Each structure stands twice: as C-alpha cells, then as structure tokens.
Amino acid sequence: MHAFILELLLLISFYASAAYDIVQGPFKLDANDSVYIKKEDDANYPLAFYFETNGNSIKVESYDVDGSETHVETVFLQK
C-alpha cells in the first residue's frame, strides 16, 4: 500500500512539473490540433510557440526577450 501511494505522489509531481513549463494554452484549434506557448531552457530564446497534432508537438517559433523576465500578457489567435 505504501508503494502505491509513493508511486501516485511521484506521478502527480511529474505532471505538475511538466505543466509548469506551459506559459499559455493549450488552445484547441479543432478535435486533434492545439497550440501553446512554453518556457524553454535557452537563455536567449526562453519562449517558444508549439503546434500539437495527434500527440506530436512541433516548435513553430522561438521568441527572445531583451534582458527582462519572460511573461506573456495576451494571446490572440485568428482562424
């Protein structure tokens, strides 16, 4: 029983840390496609825009910041 609880806590912490990297989104485009903005480890380009389709993520664009803390205030998407 203790092993089950430990595994459950590890699983929850893994998902919580993975979700922390996503800054905005995911925004659903249709049944299988979505987009999101994610933090990256690159100090020069700390934000990236991703397109996800059928479980596969593709980096579309990286964004640089000029020495300030990374943040996204607003996201606009148009079909």
N, C-alpha and C. Protein backbone atom coordinates (compact mmCIF):
# COMPACT_ATOMS: atom_id res chain seq x y z
N MET A 1 0.81 -1.19 0.00
CA MET A 1 0.00 0.00 0.00
C MET A 1 0.87 1.27 0.00
N HIS A 2 1.95 1.24 0.74
CA HIS A 2 2.84 2.41 0.79
C HIS A 2 3.48 2.66 -0.57
N ALA A 3 3.82 1.59 -1.27
CA ALA A 3 4.43 1.73 -2.59
C ALA A 3 3.45 2.38 -3.57
N PHE A 4 2.17 2.01 -3.47
CA PHE A 4 1.16 2.58 -4.35
C PHE A 4 1.03 4.08 -4.10
N ILE A 5 0.99 4.48 -2.85
CA ILE A 5 0.87 5.91 -2.51
C ILE A 5 2.09 6.67 -2.98
N LEU A 6 3.27 6.09 -2.81
CA LEU A 6 4.50 6.74 -3.27
C LEU A 6 4.49 6.93 -4.79
N GLU A 7 4.09 5.89 -5.51
CA GLU A 7 4.02 6.00 -6.98
C GLU A 7 3.00 7.05 -7.40
N LEU A 8 1.88 7.11 -6.71
CA LEU A 8 0.86 8.09 -7.03
C LEU A 8 1.38 9.52 -6.81
N LEU A 9 2.08 9.73 -5.71
CA LEU A 9 2.65 11.06 -5.44
C LEU A 9 3.70 11.44 -6.47
N LEU A 10 4.53 10.50 -6.87
CA LEU A 10 5.53 10.78 -7.90
C LEU A 10 4.88 11.12 -9.23
N LEU A 11 3.82 10.40 -9.57
CA LEU A 11 3.11 10.65 -10.82
C LEU A 11 2.49 12.04 -10.81
N ILE A 12 1.88 12.42 -9.70
CA ILE A 12 1.26 13.74 -9.59
C ILE A 12 2.33 14.83 -9.70
N SER A 13 3.45 14.65 -9.03
CA SER A 13 4.50 15.67 -9.08
C SER A 13 5.09 15.78 -10.47
N PHE A 14 5.19 14.65 -11.20
CA PHE A 14 5.69 14.70 -12.58
C PHE A 14 4.78 15.53 -13.46
N TYR A 15 3.46 15.30 -13.37
CA TYR A 15 2.52 16.06 -14.18
C TYR A 15 2.49 17.52 -13.78
N ALA A 16 2.61 17.81 -12.52
CA ALA A 16 2.61 19.20 -12.06
C ALA A 16 3.84 19.94 -12.56
N SER A 17 5.01 19.29 -12.56
CA SER A 17 6.22 19.95 -13.05
C SER A 17 6.19 20.09 -14.56
N ALA A 18 5.61 19.15 -15.28
CA ALA A 18 5.52 19.24 -16.73
C ALA A 18 4.57 20.36 -17.14
N ALA A 19 3.48 20.53 -16.44
CA ALA A 19 2.52 21.56 -16.77
C ALA A 19 3.06 22.95 -16.46
N TYR A 20 4.03 23.06 -15.56
CA TYR A 20 4.58 24.35 -15.18
C TYR A 20 5.29 25.03 -16.34
N ASP A 21 5.84 24.27 -17.27
CA ASP A 21 6.58 24.84 -18.39
C ASP A 21 5.67 25.52 -19.41
N ILE A 22 4.41 25.18 -19.44
CA ILE A 22 3.49 25.81 -20.39
C ILE A 22 3.04 27.15 -19.82
N VAL A 23 3.30 28.20 -20.59
CA VAL A 23 3.00 29.56 -20.15
C VAL A 23 1.56 29.93 -20.49
N GLN A 24 1.12 29.64 -21.70
CA GLN A 24 -0.24 29.91 -22.16
C GLN A 24 -0.73 28.74 -22.99
N GLY A 25 -1.97 28.36 -22.80
CA GLY A 25 -2.56 27.29 -23.59
C GLY A 25 -2.71 26.02 -22.79
N PRO A 26 -3.00 24.95 -23.43
CA PRO A 26 -3.17 24.78 -24.88
C PRO A 26 -4.50 25.36 -25.36
N PHE A 27 -4.47 25.88 -26.58
CA PHE A 27 -5.65 26.42 -27.23
C PHE A 27 -6.05 25.44 -28.34
N LYS A 28 -7.26 24.89 -28.24
CA LYS A 28 -7.73 23.91 -29.22
C LYS A 28 -8.06 24.60 -30.53
N LEU A 29 -7.56 24.06 -31.63
CA LEU A 29 -7.88 24.56 -32.96
C LEU A 29 -9.00 23.75 -33.58
N ASP A 30 -8.97 22.44 -33.36
CA ASP A 30 -10.04 21.53 -33.75
C ASP A 30 -9.91 20.28 -32.89
N ALA A 31 -10.50 19.18 -33.30
CA ALA A 31 -10.54 17.98 -32.46
C ALA A 31 -9.15 17.42 -32.16
N ASN A 32 -8.21 17.53 -33.09
CA ASN A 32 -6.89 16.91 -32.90
C ASN A 32 -5.74 17.91 -32.74
N ASP A 33 -5.97 19.17 -33.02
CA ASP A 33 -4.88 20.15 -33.08
C ASP A 33 -5.01 21.21 -31.99
N SER A 34 -3.86 21.63 -31.46
CA SER A 34 -3.84 22.71 -30.48
C SER A 34 -2.50 23.44 -30.57
N VAL A 35 -2.43 24.62 -29.96
CA VAL A 35 -1.20 25.40 -29.90
C VAL A 35 -0.99 25.84 -28.46
N TYR A 36 0.28 26.08 -28.10
CA TYR A 36 0.59 26.57 -26.76
C TYR A 36 1.94 27.26 -26.76
N ILE A 37 2.18 28.07 -25.74
CA ILE A 37 3.46 28.76 -25.55
C ILE A 37 4.12 28.13 -24.33
N LYS A 38 5.39 27.78 -24.49
CA LYS A 38 6.11 27.02 -23.46
C LYS A 38 7.43 27.69 -23.13
N LYS A 39 7.84 27.60 -21.87
CA LYS A 39 9.17 28.08 -21.47
C LYS A 39 10.22 27.10 -21.95
N GLU A 40 11.35 27.64 -22.40
CA GLU A 40 12.47 26.84 -22.87
C GLU A 40 13.67 27.05 -21.95
N ASP A 41 14.67 26.18 -22.05
CA ASP A 41 15.89 26.30 -21.25
C ASP A 41 16.91 27.26 -21.86
N ASP A 42 16.70 27.68 -23.08
CA ASP A 42 17.62 28.59 -23.78
C ASP A 42 17.48 30.01 -23.22
N ALA A 43 18.55 30.57 -22.68
CA ALA A 43 18.51 31.90 -22.07
C ALA A 43 18.25 32.99 -23.11
N ASN A 44 18.68 32.79 -24.35
CA ASN A 44 18.48 33.80 -25.40
C ASN A 44 17.08 33.76 -26.00
N TYR A 45 16.47 32.59 -26.01
CA TYR A 45 15.12 32.41 -26.56
C TYR A 45 14.29 31.60 -25.56
N PRO A 46 13.82 32.23 -24.47
CA PRO A 46 13.18 31.48 -23.40
C PRO A 46 11.72 31.10 -23.64
N LEU A 47 11.11 31.59 -24.71
CA LEU A 47 9.73 31.25 -25.02
C LEU A 47 9.64 30.65 -26.42
N ALA A 48 8.76 29.66 -26.57
CA ALA A 48 8.56 29.04 -27.88
C ALA A 48 7.07 28.78 -28.10
N PHE A 49 6.65 28.88 -29.35
CA PHE A 49 5.28 28.62 -29.76
C PHE A 49 5.23 27.24 -30.39
N TYR A 50 4.36 26.36 -29.90
CA TYR A 50 4.27 24.98 -30.37
C TYR A 50 2.91 24.69 -30.99
N PHE A 51 2.93 23.85 -32.02
CA PHE A 51 1.73 23.31 -32.65
C PHE A 51 1.70 21.82 -32.33
N GLU A 52 0.59 21.33 -31.79
CA GLU A 52 0.46 19.91 -31.45
C GLU A 52 -0.67 19.30 -32.26
N THR A 53 -0.37 18.20 -32.94
CA THR A 53 -1.37 17.48 -33.71
C THR A 53 -1.19 15.99 -33.47
N ASN A 54 -2.27 15.32 -33.13
CA ASN A 54 -2.27 13.88 -32.86
C ASN A 54 -1.18 13.46 -31.88
N GLY A 55 -0.91 14.29 -30.86
CA GLY A 55 0.08 13.95 -29.84
C GLY A 55 1.51 14.31 -30.19
N ASN A 56 1.77 14.82 -31.39
CA ASN A 56 3.11 15.22 -31.81
C ASN A 56 3.25 16.74 -31.74
N SER A 57 4.26 17.22 -31.03
CA SER A 57 4.49 18.66 -30.89
C SER A 57 5.58 19.13 -31.84
N ILE A 58 5.33 20.26 -32.48
CA ILE A 58 6.29 20.86 -33.42
C ILE A 58 6.55 22.29 -32.96
N LYS A 59 7.82 22.66 -32.78
CA LYS A 59 8.16 24.04 -32.43
C LYS A 59 8.03 24.89 -33.68
N VAL A 60 7.17 25.89 -33.62
CA VAL A 60 6.92 26.76 -34.76
C VAL A 60 7.84 27.97 -34.73
N GLU A 61 8.00 28.58 -33.56
CA GLU A 61 8.76 29.82 -33.44
C GLU A 61 9.34 29.94 -32.05
N SER A 62 10.52 30.55 -31.94
CA SER A 62 11.13 30.89 -30.66
C SER A 62 11.16 32.40 -30.52
N TYR A 63 10.99 32.88 -29.29
CA TYR A 63 10.93 34.31 -29.04
C TYR A 63 12.01 34.71 -28.05
N ASP A 64 12.70 35.80 -28.38
CA ASP A 64 13.73 36.29 -27.47
C ASP A 64 13.16 37.41 -26.61
N VAL A 65 13.79 37.62 -25.47
CA VAL A 65 13.45 38.75 -24.61
C VAL A 65 14.74 39.53 -24.40
N ASP A 66 14.60 40.81 -24.28
CA ASP A 66 15.78 41.67 -24.19
C ASP A 66 16.16 41.94 -22.74
N GLY A 67 16.59 40.88 -22.04
CA GLY A 67 17.08 41.02 -20.68
C GLY A 67 16.03 41.11 -19.60
N SER A 68 14.77 40.99 -19.93
CA SER A 68 13.73 41.08 -18.91
C SER A 68 13.20 39.69 -18.59
N GLU A 69 12.39 39.61 -17.54
CA GLU A 69 11.76 38.35 -17.15
C GLU A 69 10.74 37.95 -18.20
N THR A 70 10.69 36.66 -18.53
CA THR A 70 9.76 36.20 -19.56
C THR A 70 8.34 36.18 -19.02
N HIS A 71 7.41 36.67 -19.82
CA HIS A 71 6.00 36.58 -19.49
C HIS A 71 5.18 36.85 -20.75
N VAL A 72 3.97 36.36 -20.74
CA VAL A 72 3.03 36.59 -21.83
C VAL A 72 1.80 37.23 -21.23
N GLU A 73 1.45 38.40 -21.73
CA GLU A 73 0.29 39.10 -21.19
C GLU A 73 -0.99 38.72 -21.93
N THR A 74 -0.92 38.63 -23.26
CA THR A 74 -2.12 38.38 -24.06
C THR A 74 -1.78 37.51 -25.25
N VAL A 75 -2.70 36.64 -25.62
CA VAL A 75 -2.54 35.81 -26.81
C VAL A 75 -3.78 36.00 -27.68
N PHE A 76 -3.56 36.31 -28.97
CA PHE A 76 -4.65 36.44 -29.93
C PHE A 76 -4.42 35.41 -31.03
N LEU A 77 -5.46 34.65 -31.32
CA LEU A 77 -5.42 33.67 -32.42
C LEU A 77 -6.59 33.97 -33.34
N GLN A 78 -6.34 33.91 -34.64
CA GLN A 78 -7.39 34.16 -35.61
C GLN A 78 -7.44 33.03 -36.61
N LYS A 79 -8.63 32.59 -36.91
CA LYS A 79 -8.80 31.48 -37.84
C LYS A 79 -8.86 31.99 -39.26
